[in-house]
Amino acid sequence: MNIRNDHPLQRLFAGLVEHAFMADLGICDPKLADYIGNLLGEFVHVDGIFRMQALDGTAIREISRVQADAYLGPDIDETTRRRVVNRYVGDFTLFWTGVYPEQLRLRSRGDRLHEHLIQGKRSYGIASELSSSKDDPSPTLLRQLSAEFESCVHGLQLVRAGFAQSGGDLPNN
């Protein structure tokens, strides 16, 4: 459920990401900033956050089940499936650790925040290895997301703060 690139909310996300990453963090990479801004647009609706489905069509809500249970259709080969699933796990963990880290601490008995950081880095790395130069996003961008995962998390935390300052309000759950 993506919002259009010309939608005011998507433009706001793009501006906040560009400012946080380029001005505050010094990460001057337009492709990375675009990817993160688009990720926020993709996850603006709960159906985008929980878009992976099991064979029976139910949304998978636990990241621990995505690798085993995600069904992408009968025409998807195993390499493509693994690439798509690992990219999604990277996106999902980046979103939650960057935008709602307190939820990972509140809803768990263990350190789910640390687990998400490890899983996100790992998943983007695997997705990069399974990607070819003609895939979108490129293997280079996926490797960068893996290598700079913690910086991207911090950048999303800055975006959330900037969104709140702009008058936007992200719910705490």
N, C-alpha and C. Protein backbone atom coordinates (compact mmCIF):
# COMPACT_ATOMS: atom_id res chain seq x y z
N MET A 1 0.82 -1.18 0.00
CA MET A 1 0.00 0.00 0.00
C MET A 1 0.87 1.25 0.00
N ASN A 2 1.52 1.50 -1.07
CA ASN A 2 2.40 2.67 -1.15
C ASN A 2 1.58 3.94 -1.38
N ILE A 3 2.10 5.03 -0.86
CA ILE A 3 1.50 6.32 -1.21
C ILE A 3 2.30 6.88 -2.38
N ARG A 4 1.67 7.66 -3.19
CA ARG A 4 2.31 8.21 -4.39
C ARG A 4 3.48 9.12 -4.02
N ASN A 5 4.46 9.19 -4.91
CA ASN A 5 5.63 10.05 -4.68
C ASN A 5 5.26 11.52 -4.57
N ASP A 6 4.15 11.94 -5.22
CA ASP A 6 3.77 13.34 -5.16
C ASP A 6 2.80 13.64 -4.01
N HIS A 7 2.49 12.64 -3.21
CA HIS A 7 1.60 12.84 -2.06
C HIS A 7 2.33 13.71 -1.03
N PRO A 8 1.63 14.65 -0.40
CA PRO A 8 2.29 15.53 0.58
C PRO A 8 3.00 14.79 1.71
N LEU A 9 2.42 13.68 2.17
CA LEU A 9 3.07 12.92 3.24
C LEU A 9 4.38 12.29 2.76
N GLN A 10 4.39 11.78 1.53
CA GLN A 10 5.62 11.20 0.98
C GLN A 10 6.68 12.29 0.79
N ARG A 11 6.26 13.47 0.36
CA ARG A 11 7.21 14.58 0.22
C ARG A 11 7.76 15.00 1.58
N LEU A 12 6.91 14.98 2.62
CA LEU A 12 7.36 15.30 3.97
C LEU A 12 8.39 14.26 4.43
N PHE A 13 8.09 12.98 4.23
CA PHE A 13 9.04 11.93 4.60
C PHE A 13 10.37 12.14 3.88
N ALA A 14 10.31 12.41 2.58
CA ALA A 14 11.55 12.60 1.81
C ALA A 14 12.37 13.76 2.36
N GLY A 15 11.71 14.87 2.67
CA GLY A 15 12.42 16.02 3.21
C GLY A 15 13.02 15.74 4.58
N LEU A 16 12.26 15.07 5.46
CA LEU A 16 12.76 14.74 6.79
C LEU A 16 13.94 13.78 6.72
N VAL A 17 13.85 12.78 5.85
CA VAL A 17 14.94 11.81 5.69
C VAL A 17 16.17 12.51 5.13
N GLU A 18 15.98 13.32 4.11
CA GLU A 18 17.12 14.03 3.52
C GLU A 18 17.81 14.89 4.57
N HIS A 19 17.05 15.62 5.36
CA HIS A 19 17.65 16.47 6.39
C HIS A 19 18.38 15.64 7.44
N ALA A 20 17.71 14.60 7.96
CA ALA A 20 18.31 13.77 9.01
C ALA A 20 19.59 13.09 8.53
N PHE A 21 19.54 12.52 7.34
CA PHE A 21 20.69 11.75 6.86
C PHE A 21 21.81 12.65 6.35
N MET A 22 21.47 13.66 5.60
CA MET A 22 22.51 14.49 5.00
C MET A 22 23.01 15.57 5.95
N ALA A 23 22.11 16.30 6.60
CA ALA A 23 22.53 17.41 7.45
C ALA A 23 22.98 16.93 8.83
N ASP A 24 22.21 16.05 9.45
CA ASP A 24 22.53 15.63 10.82
C ASP A 24 23.57 14.51 10.88
N LEU A 25 23.45 13.51 10.02
CA LEU A 25 24.36 12.36 10.07
C LEU A 25 25.55 12.48 9.12
N GLY A 26 25.43 13.34 8.13
CA GLY A 26 26.51 13.47 7.14
C GLY A 26 26.56 12.33 6.15
N ILE A 27 25.46 11.61 5.99
CA ILE A 27 25.37 10.53 5.00
C ILE A 27 24.73 11.13 3.76
N CYS A 28 25.57 11.53 2.82
CA CYS A 28 25.10 12.24 1.62
C CYS A 28 24.95 11.28 0.46
N ASP A 29 23.97 10.41 0.56
CA ASP A 29 23.71 9.43 -0.48
C ASP A 29 22.24 9.50 -0.86
N PRO A 30 21.93 10.15 -1.98
CA PRO A 30 20.53 10.31 -2.39
C PRO A 30 19.79 8.98 -2.56
N LYS A 31 20.48 7.93 -3.04
CA LYS A 31 19.80 6.64 -3.23
C LYS A 31 19.38 6.05 -1.89
N LEU A 32 20.25 6.16 -0.89
CA LEU A 32 19.92 5.66 0.44
C LEU A 32 18.78 6.48 1.03
N ALA A 33 18.84 7.80 0.93
CA ALA A 33 17.79 8.67 1.46
C ALA A 33 16.45 8.38 0.76
N ASP A 34 16.47 8.20 -0.54
CA ASP A 34 15.24 7.87 -1.28
C ASP A 34 14.66 6.55 -0.80
N TYR A 35 15.53 5.56 -0.61
CA TYR A 35 15.07 4.24 -0.17
C TYR A 35 14.38 4.35 1.19
N ILE A 36 15.02 5.05 2.13
CA ILE A 36 14.46 5.19 3.48
C ILE A 36 13.14 5.97 3.43
N GLY A 37 13.08 7.04 2.65
CA GLY A 37 11.84 7.81 2.51
C GLY A 37 10.72 6.97 1.92
N ASN A 38 11.06 6.17 0.91
CA ASN A 38 10.05 5.29 0.30
C ASN A 38 9.61 4.20 1.27
N LEU A 39 10.55 3.71 2.08
CA LEU A 39 10.20 2.71 3.09
C LEU A 39 9.14 3.26 4.04
N LEU A 40 9.31 4.49 4.48
CA LEU A 40 8.30 5.10 5.35
C LEU A 40 6.95 5.19 4.65
N GLY A 41 6.97 5.53 3.36
CA GLY A 41 5.72 5.58 2.60
C GLY A 41 5.07 4.21 2.45
N GLU A 42 5.89 3.18 2.29
CA GLU A 42 5.36 1.82 2.17
C GLU A 42 4.75 1.34 3.49
N PHE A 43 5.35 1.77 4.59
CA PHE A 43 4.90 1.30 5.91
C PHE A 43 3.94 2.27 6.59
N VAL A 44 3.42 3.26 5.85
CA VAL A 44 2.51 4.23 6.44
C VAL A 44 1.19 3.57 6.86
N HIS A 45 0.83 2.49 6.22
CA HIS A 45 -0.39 1.75 6.55
C HIS A 45 0.00 0.39 7.11
N VAL A 46 -0.74 -0.09 8.07
CA VAL A 46 -0.43 -1.37 8.72
C VAL A 46 -0.37 -2.52 7.71
N ASP A 47 -1.12 -2.46 6.62
CA ASP A 47 -1.07 -3.51 5.60
C ASP A 47 0.28 -3.54 4.91
N GLY A 48 0.97 -2.43 4.88
CA GLY A 48 2.32 -2.40 4.32
C GLY A 48 3.34 -2.98 5.27
N ILE A 49 3.14 -2.73 6.55
CA ILE A 49 4.05 -3.27 7.56
C ILE A 49 3.95 -4.79 7.60
N PHE A 50 2.75 -5.29 7.59
CA PHE A 50 2.51 -6.73 7.69
C PHE A 50 2.04 -7.29 6.35
N ARG A 51 2.79 -7.02 5.28
CA ARG A 51 2.36 -7.43 3.95
C ARG A 51 2.69 -8.88 3.62
N MET A 52 3.60 -9.50 4.35
CA MET A 52 3.91 -10.91 4.09
C MET A 52 2.77 -11.77 4.58
N GLN A 53 2.39 -12.74 3.75
CA GLN A 53 1.27 -13.60 4.08
C GLN A 53 1.68 -15.05 4.04
N ALA A 54 1.00 -15.85 4.84
CA ALA A 54 1.18 -17.29 4.83
C ALA A 54 0.39 -17.88 3.66
N LEU A 55 0.55 -19.16 3.44
CA LEU A 55 -0.13 -19.85 2.34
C LEU A 55 -1.65 -19.68 2.43
N ASP A 56 -2.19 -19.62 3.64
CA ASP A 56 -3.65 -19.47 3.80
C ASP A 56 -4.13 -18.02 3.64
N GLY A 57 -3.21 -17.09 3.35
CA GLY A 57 -3.58 -15.70 3.11
C GLY A 57 -3.59 -14.81 4.34
N THR A 58 -3.30 -15.36 5.50
CA THR A 58 -3.26 -14.54 6.72
C THR A 58 -1.94 -13.78 6.79
N ALA A 59 -2.02 -12.57 7.29
CA ALA A 59 -0.83 -11.73 7.45
C ALA A 59 0.07 -12.32 8.53
N ILE A 60 1.36 -12.33 8.25
CA ILE A 60 2.34 -12.79 9.23
C ILE A 60 2.74 -11.58 10.06
N ARG A 61 2.50 -11.65 11.35
CA ARG A 61 2.74 -10.51 12.22
C ARG A 61 4.00 -10.67 13.07
N GLU A 62 4.59 -11.85 13.09
CA GLU A 62 5.81 -12.08 13.86
C GLU A 62 6.97 -12.28 12.89
N ILE A 63 8.01 -11.49 13.09
CA ILE A 63 9.17 -11.55 12.19
C ILE A 63 9.81 -12.93 12.22
N SER A 64 9.69 -13.63 13.34
CA SER A 64 10.28 -14.96 13.46
C SER A 64 9.62 -15.97 12.53
N ARG A 65 8.43 -15.70 12.06
CA ARG A 65 7.71 -16.62 11.17
C ARG A 65 7.90 -16.30 9.69
N VAL A 66 8.42 -15.13 9.37
CA VAL A 66 8.47 -14.69 7.97
C VAL A 66 9.30 -15.65 7.12
N GLN A 67 10.50 -15.99 7.57
CA GLN A 67 11.39 -16.85 6.77
C GLN A 67 10.71 -18.18 6.43
N ALA A 68 10.04 -18.78 7.40
CA ALA A 68 9.45 -20.11 7.20
C ALA A 68 8.10 -20.07 6.49
N ASP A 69 7.29 -19.05 6.78
CA ASP A 69 5.89 -19.10 6.36
C ASP A 69 5.49 -18.17 5.21
N ALA A 70 6.34 -17.24 4.83
CA ALA A 70 5.95 -16.29 3.78
C ALA A 70 5.73 -17.02 2.46
N TYR A 71 4.59 -16.76 1.86
CA TYR A 71 4.24 -17.35 0.58
C TYR A 71 4.11 -16.22 -0.44
N LEU A 72 4.92 -16.29 -1.49
CA LEU A 72 4.95 -15.23 -2.50
C LEU A 72 4.29 -15.64 -3.81
N GLY A 73 3.77 -16.84 -3.87
CA GLY A 73 3.09 -17.31 -5.07
C GLY A 73 3.81 -18.49 -5.69
N PRO A 74 3.12 -19.20 -6.57
CA PRO A 74 3.69 -20.42 -7.15
C PRO A 74 4.79 -20.18 -8.18
N ASP A 75 4.85 -18.99 -8.74
CA ASP A 75 5.80 -18.73 -9.82
C ASP A 75 7.13 -18.13 -9.35
N ILE A 76 7.33 -18.04 -8.05
CA ILE A 76 8.54 -17.43 -7.51
C ILE A 76 9.57 -18.52 -7.24
N ASP A 77 10.76 -18.39 -7.85
CA ASP A 77 11.81 -19.36 -7.59
C ASP A 77 12.41 -19.13 -6.20
N GLU A 78 13.12 -20.10 -5.69
CA GLU A 78 13.61 -20.06 -4.31
C GLU A 78 14.60 -18.91 -4.07
N THR A 79 15.47 -18.61 -5.03
CA THR A 79 16.42 -17.51 -4.84
C THR A 79 15.69 -16.18 -4.75
N THR A 80 14.74 -15.96 -5.63
CA THR A 80 13.95 -14.72 -5.59
C THR A 80 13.18 -14.63 -4.29
N ARG A 81 12.58 -15.73 -3.87
CA ARG A 81 11.83 -15.74 -2.61
C ARG A 81 12.74 -15.35 -1.46
N ARG A 82 13.91 -15.96 -1.38
CA ARG A 82 14.84 -15.66 -0.28
C ARG A 82 15.29 -14.20 -0.32
N ARG A 83 15.52 -13.66 -1.53
CA ARG A 83 15.93 -12.26 -1.66
C ARG A 83 14.82 -11.33 -1.18
N VAL A 84 13.61 -11.56 -1.63
CA VAL A 84 12.47 -10.72 -1.27
C VAL A 84 12.19 -10.81 0.24
N VAL A 85 12.21 -12.01 0.78
CA VAL A 85 11.93 -12.20 2.20
C VAL A 85 13.01 -11.54 3.05
N ASN A 86 14.27 -11.71 2.69
CA ASN A 86 15.35 -11.09 3.47
C ASN A 86 15.32 -9.57 3.37
N ARG A 87 15.00 -9.05 2.21
CA ARG A 87 14.86 -7.60 2.09
C ARG A 87 13.72 -7.10 2.99
N TYR A 88 12.59 -7.81 2.96
CA TYR A 88 11.47 -7.43 3.82
C TYR A 88 11.86 -7.46 5.30
N VAL A 89 12.57 -8.50 5.71
CA VAL A 89 13.00 -8.60 7.11
C VAL A 89 13.91 -7.42 7.45
N GLY A 90 14.81 -7.06 6.53
CA GLY A 90 15.64 -5.88 6.75
C GLY A 90 14.81 -4.63 6.89
N ASP A 91 13.85 -4.44 5.99
CA ASP A 91 12.98 -3.26 6.03
C ASP A 91 12.17 -3.23 7.32
N PHE A 92 11.58 -4.35 7.68
CA PHE A 92 10.73 -4.45 8.86
C PHE A 92 11.52 -4.12 10.12
N THR A 93 12.69 -4.72 10.25
CA THR A 93 13.49 -4.49 11.46
C THR A 93 14.04 -3.07 11.49
N LEU A 94 14.40 -2.52 10.34
CA LEU A 94 14.86 -1.13 10.29
C LEU A 94 13.74 -0.19 10.72
N PHE A 95 12.55 -0.41 10.21
CA PHE A 95 11.41 0.43 10.57
C PHE A 95 11.16 0.40 12.08
N TRP A 96 11.04 -0.80 12.64
CA TRP A 96 10.70 -0.91 14.07
C TRP A 96 11.82 -0.40 14.97
N THR A 97 13.07 -0.70 14.65
CA THR A 97 14.16 -0.23 15.51
C THR A 97 14.36 1.27 15.39
N GLY A 98 14.05 1.83 14.22
CA GLY A 98 14.24 3.26 14.02
C GLY A 98 13.06 4.11 14.45
N VAL A 99 11.85 3.65 14.19
CA VAL A 99 10.67 4.47 14.44
C VAL A 99 10.00 4.14 15.78
N TYR A 100 9.96 2.88 16.15
CA TYR A 100 9.27 2.47 17.38
C TYR A 100 10.13 1.57 18.27
N PRO A 101 11.34 1.97 18.60
CA PRO A 101 12.20 1.08 19.41
C PRO A 101 11.59 0.76 20.78
N GLU A 102 10.83 1.70 21.32
CA GLU A 102 10.25 1.46 22.65
C GLU A 102 9.28 0.29 22.63
N GLN A 103 8.65 0.04 21.49
CA GLN A 103 7.73 -1.09 21.39
C GLN A 103 8.47 -2.42 21.45
N LEU A 104 9.69 -2.45 20.96
CA LEU A 104 10.47 -3.68 21.02
C LEU A 104 10.91 -3.97 22.45
N ARG A 105 11.07 -2.94 23.24
CA ARG A 105 11.45 -3.12 24.64
C ARG A 105 10.23 -3.45 25.50
N LEU A 106 9.08 -2.83 25.20
CA LEU A 106 7.88 -3.01 26.03
C LEU A 106 7.25 -4.38 25.87
N ARG A 107 7.28 -4.90 24.69
CA ARG A 107 6.51 -6.12 24.40
C ARG A 107 7.33 -7.40 24.50
N SER A 108 8.47 -7.35 25.13
CA SER A 108 9.29 -8.55 25.12
C SER A 108 9.87 -8.84 26.50
N ARG A 109 10.25 -10.07 26.65
CA ARG A 109 10.93 -10.47 27.87
C ARG A 109 12.44 -10.39 27.67
N GLY A 110 12.88 -10.42 26.45
CA GLY A 110 14.30 -10.35 26.15
C GLY A 110 14.64 -9.03 25.47
N ASP A 111 15.79 -8.98 24.89
CA ASP A 111 16.24 -7.77 24.21
C ASP A 111 15.89 -7.86 22.73
N ARG A 112 14.64 -7.62 22.39
CA ARG A 112 14.21 -7.70 20.99
C ARG A 112 14.82 -6.60 20.15
N LEU A 113 15.16 -5.47 20.74
CA LEU A 113 15.80 -4.40 20.00
C LEU A 113 17.15 -4.87 19.46
N HIS A 114 17.94 -5.47 20.31
CA HIS A 114 19.25 -5.98 19.88
C HIS A 114 19.08 -7.08 18.83
N GLU A 115 18.12 -7.96 19.04
CA GLU A 115 17.85 -9.03 18.07
C GLU A 115 17.46 -8.45 16.71
N HIS A 116 16.63 -7.41 16.72
CA HIS A 116 16.22 -6.78 15.46
C HIS A 116 17.41 -6.12 14.76
N LEU A 117 18.29 -5.51 15.51
CA LEU A 117 19.49 -4.90 14.91
C LEU A 117 20.33 -5.96 14.20
N ILE A 118 20.56 -7.06 14.87
CA ILE A 118 21.36 -8.15 14.29
C ILE A 118 20.65 -8.73 13.07
N GLN A 119 19.36 -9.02 13.21
CA GLN A 119 18.60 -9.63 12.12
C GLN A 119 18.51 -8.71 10.91
N GLY A 120 18.31 -7.41 11.13
CA GLY A 120 18.21 -6.48 10.02
C GLY A 120 19.50 -6.40 9.22
N LYS A 121 20.62 -6.25 9.90
CA LYS A 121 21.92 -6.22 9.23
C LYS A 121 22.15 -7.49 8.42
N ARG A 122 21.88 -8.61 9.07
CA ARG A 122 22.09 -9.92 8.44
C ARG A 122 21.19 -10.08 7.21
N SER A 123 19.93 -9.72 7.35
CA SER A 123 18.97 -9.92 6.26
C SER A 123 19.30 -9.06 5.04
N TYR A 124 19.65 -7.79 5.27
CA TYR A 124 20.06 -6.96 4.13
C TYR A 124 21.31 -7.53 3.47
N GLY A 125 22.24 -8.05 4.26
CA GLY A 125 23.44 -8.67 3.69
C GLY A 125 23.11 -9.87 2.82
N ILE A 126 22.23 -10.74 3.30
CA ILE A 126 21.81 -11.91 2.52
C ILE A 126 21.09 -11.46 1.25
N ALA A 127 20.18 -10.50 1.37
CA ALA A 127 19.45 -10.01 0.19
C ALA A 127 20.43 -9.46 -0.85
N SER A 128 21.48 -8.78 -0.40
CA SER A 128 22.46 -8.23 -1.35
C SER A 128 23.19 -9.33 -2.09
N GLU A 129 23.51 -10.42 -1.38
CA GLU A 129 24.20 -11.54 -2.01
C GLU A 129 23.33 -12.26 -3.02
N LEU A 130 22.02 -12.22 -2.83
CA LEU A 130 21.08 -12.91 -3.72
C LEU A 130 20.58 -12.02 -4.85
N SER A 131 21.04 -10.77 -4.88
CA SER A 131 20.58 -9.81 -5.89
C SER A 131 21.58 -9.72 -7.03
N SER A 132 21.06 -9.35 -8.18
CA SER A 132 21.92 -9.08 -9.33
C SER A 132 21.88 -7.59 -9.64
N SER A 133 22.73 -7.17 -10.52
CA SER A 133 22.81 -5.74 -10.84
C SER A 133 21.52 -5.20 -11.45
N LYS A 134 20.69 -6.07 -12.01
CA LYS A 134 19.43 -5.60 -12.61
C LYS A 134 18.28 -5.54 -11.61
N ASP A 135 18.49 -6.02 -10.38
CA ASP A 135 17.45 -5.98 -9.36
C ASP A 135 17.33 -4.59 -8.75
N ASP A 136 16.14 -4.30 -8.26
CA ASP A 136 15.89 -3.04 -7.56
C ASP A 136 15.32 -3.37 -6.19
N PRO A 137 15.98 -2.97 -5.13
CA PRO A 137 17.19 -2.15 -5.07
C PRO A 137 18.43 -2.96 -5.45
N SER A 138 19.47 -2.24 -5.76
CA SER A 138 20.71 -2.86 -6.20
C SER A 138 21.39 -3.59 -5.05
N PRO A 139 22.23 -4.56 -5.39
CA PRO A 139 23.01 -5.23 -4.33
C PRO A 139 23.88 -4.24 -3.55
N THR A 140 24.37 -3.21 -4.24
CA THR A 140 25.20 -2.21 -3.58
C THR A 140 24.41 -1.47 -2.49
N LEU A 141 23.19 -1.08 -2.79
CA LEU A 141 22.37 -0.39 -1.80
C LEU A 141 22.03 -1.30 -0.64
N LEU A 142 21.71 -2.56 -0.92
CA LEU A 142 21.40 -3.50 0.15
C LEU A 142 22.62 -3.75 1.04
N ARG A 143 23.82 -3.84 0.45
CA ARG A 143 25.05 -3.97 1.24
C ARG A 143 25.26 -2.75 2.12
N GLN A 144 24.96 -1.57 1.57
CA GLN A 144 25.10 -0.33 2.33
C GLN A 144 24.12 -0.31 3.50
N LEU A 145 22.89 -0.74 3.27
CA LEU A 145 21.90 -0.80 4.35
C LEU A 145 22.37 -1.75 5.45
N SER A 146 23.01 -2.85 5.08
CA SER A 146 23.55 -3.78 6.06
C SER A 146 24.71 -3.15 6.82
N ALA A 147 25.64 -2.57 6.08
CA ALA A 147 26.84 -2.00 6.71
C ALA A 147 26.53 -0.80 7.59
N GLU A 148 25.54 -0.01 7.21
CA GLU A 148 25.22 1.21 7.94
C GLU A 148 23.87 1.11 8.67
N PHE A 149 23.52 -0.11 9.05
CA PHE A 149 22.21 -0.34 9.66
C PHE A 149 21.98 0.53 10.89
N GLU A 150 22.96 0.57 11.79
CA GLU A 150 22.80 1.36 13.02
C GLU A 150 22.66 2.85 12.70
N SER A 151 23.40 3.34 11.73
CA SER A 151 23.27 4.75 11.33
C SER A 151 21.88 5.03 10.75
N CYS A 152 21.37 4.08 9.98
CA CYS A 152 20.02 4.24 9.42
C CYS A 152 18.97 4.23 10.52
N VAL A 153 19.17 3.39 11.54
CA VAL A 153 18.25 3.37 12.69
C VAL A 153 18.28 4.75 13.36
N HIS A 154 19.47 5.27 13.61
CA HIS A 154 19.58 6.58 14.24
C HIS A 154 18.93 7.65 13.36
N GLY A 155 19.15 7.57 12.06
CA GLY A 155 18.53 8.51 11.14
C GLY A 155 17.02 8.48 11.21
N LEU A 156 16.44 7.28 11.31
CA LEU A 156 14.98 7.17 11.43
C LEU A 156 14.49 7.73 12.77
N GLN A 157 15.29 7.59 13.81
CA GLN A 157 14.92 8.20 15.09
C GLN A 157 14.89 9.72 14.95
N LEU A 158 15.83 10.29 14.21
CA LEU A 158 15.84 11.73 13.94
C LEU A 158 14.65 12.13 13.09
N VAL A 159 14.29 11.29 12.12
CA VAL A 159 13.11 11.56 11.28
C VAL A 159 11.85 11.59 12.14
N ARG A 160 11.73 10.62 13.05
CA ARG A 160 10.56 10.61 13.93
C ARG A 160 10.49 11.89 14.76
N ALA A 161 11.62 12.31 15.30
CA ALA A 161 11.66 13.56 16.08
C ALA A 161 11.30 14.75 15.20
N GLY A 162 11.80 14.78 13.97
CA GLY A 162 11.49 15.86 13.04
C GLY A 162 10.02 15.87 12.66
N PHE A 163 9.45 14.68 12.51
CA PHE A 163 8.03 14.57 12.19
C PHE A 163 7.19 15.13 13.33
N ALA A 164 7.56 14.82 14.55
CA ALA A 164 6.84 15.34 15.72
C ALA A 164 6.96 16.86 15.79
N GLN A 165 8.15 17.39 15.48
CA GLN A 165 8.35 18.84 15.50
C GLN A 165 7.54 19.53 14.41
N SER A 166 7.29 18.83 13.30
CA SER A 166 6.54 19.43 12.20
C SER A 166 5.05 19.48 12.47
N GLY A 167 4.65 18.93 13.61
CA GLY A 167 3.23 18.91 13.95
C GLY A 167 2.59 17.56 13.71
N GLY A 168 3.36 16.63 13.16
CA GLY A 168 2.85 15.28 12.96
C GLY A 168 2.88 14.53 14.28
N ASP A 169 2.12 13.48 14.35
CA ASP A 169 2.08 12.71 15.59
C ASP A 169 2.07 11.24 15.22
N LEU A 170 3.13 10.54 15.60
CA LEU A 170 3.17 9.10 15.41
C LEU A 170 2.68 8.46 16.70
N PRO A 171 1.73 7.55 16.60
CA PRO A 171 1.25 6.88 17.82
C PRO A 171 2.36 6.05 18.43
N ASN A 172 2.28 5.77 19.69
CA ASN A 172 3.30 4.99 20.38
C ASN A 172 3.04 3.50 20.33
N ASN A 173 2.15 3.04 19.47
CA ASN A 173 1.96 1.59 19.34
C ASN A 173 1.48 1.25 17.96
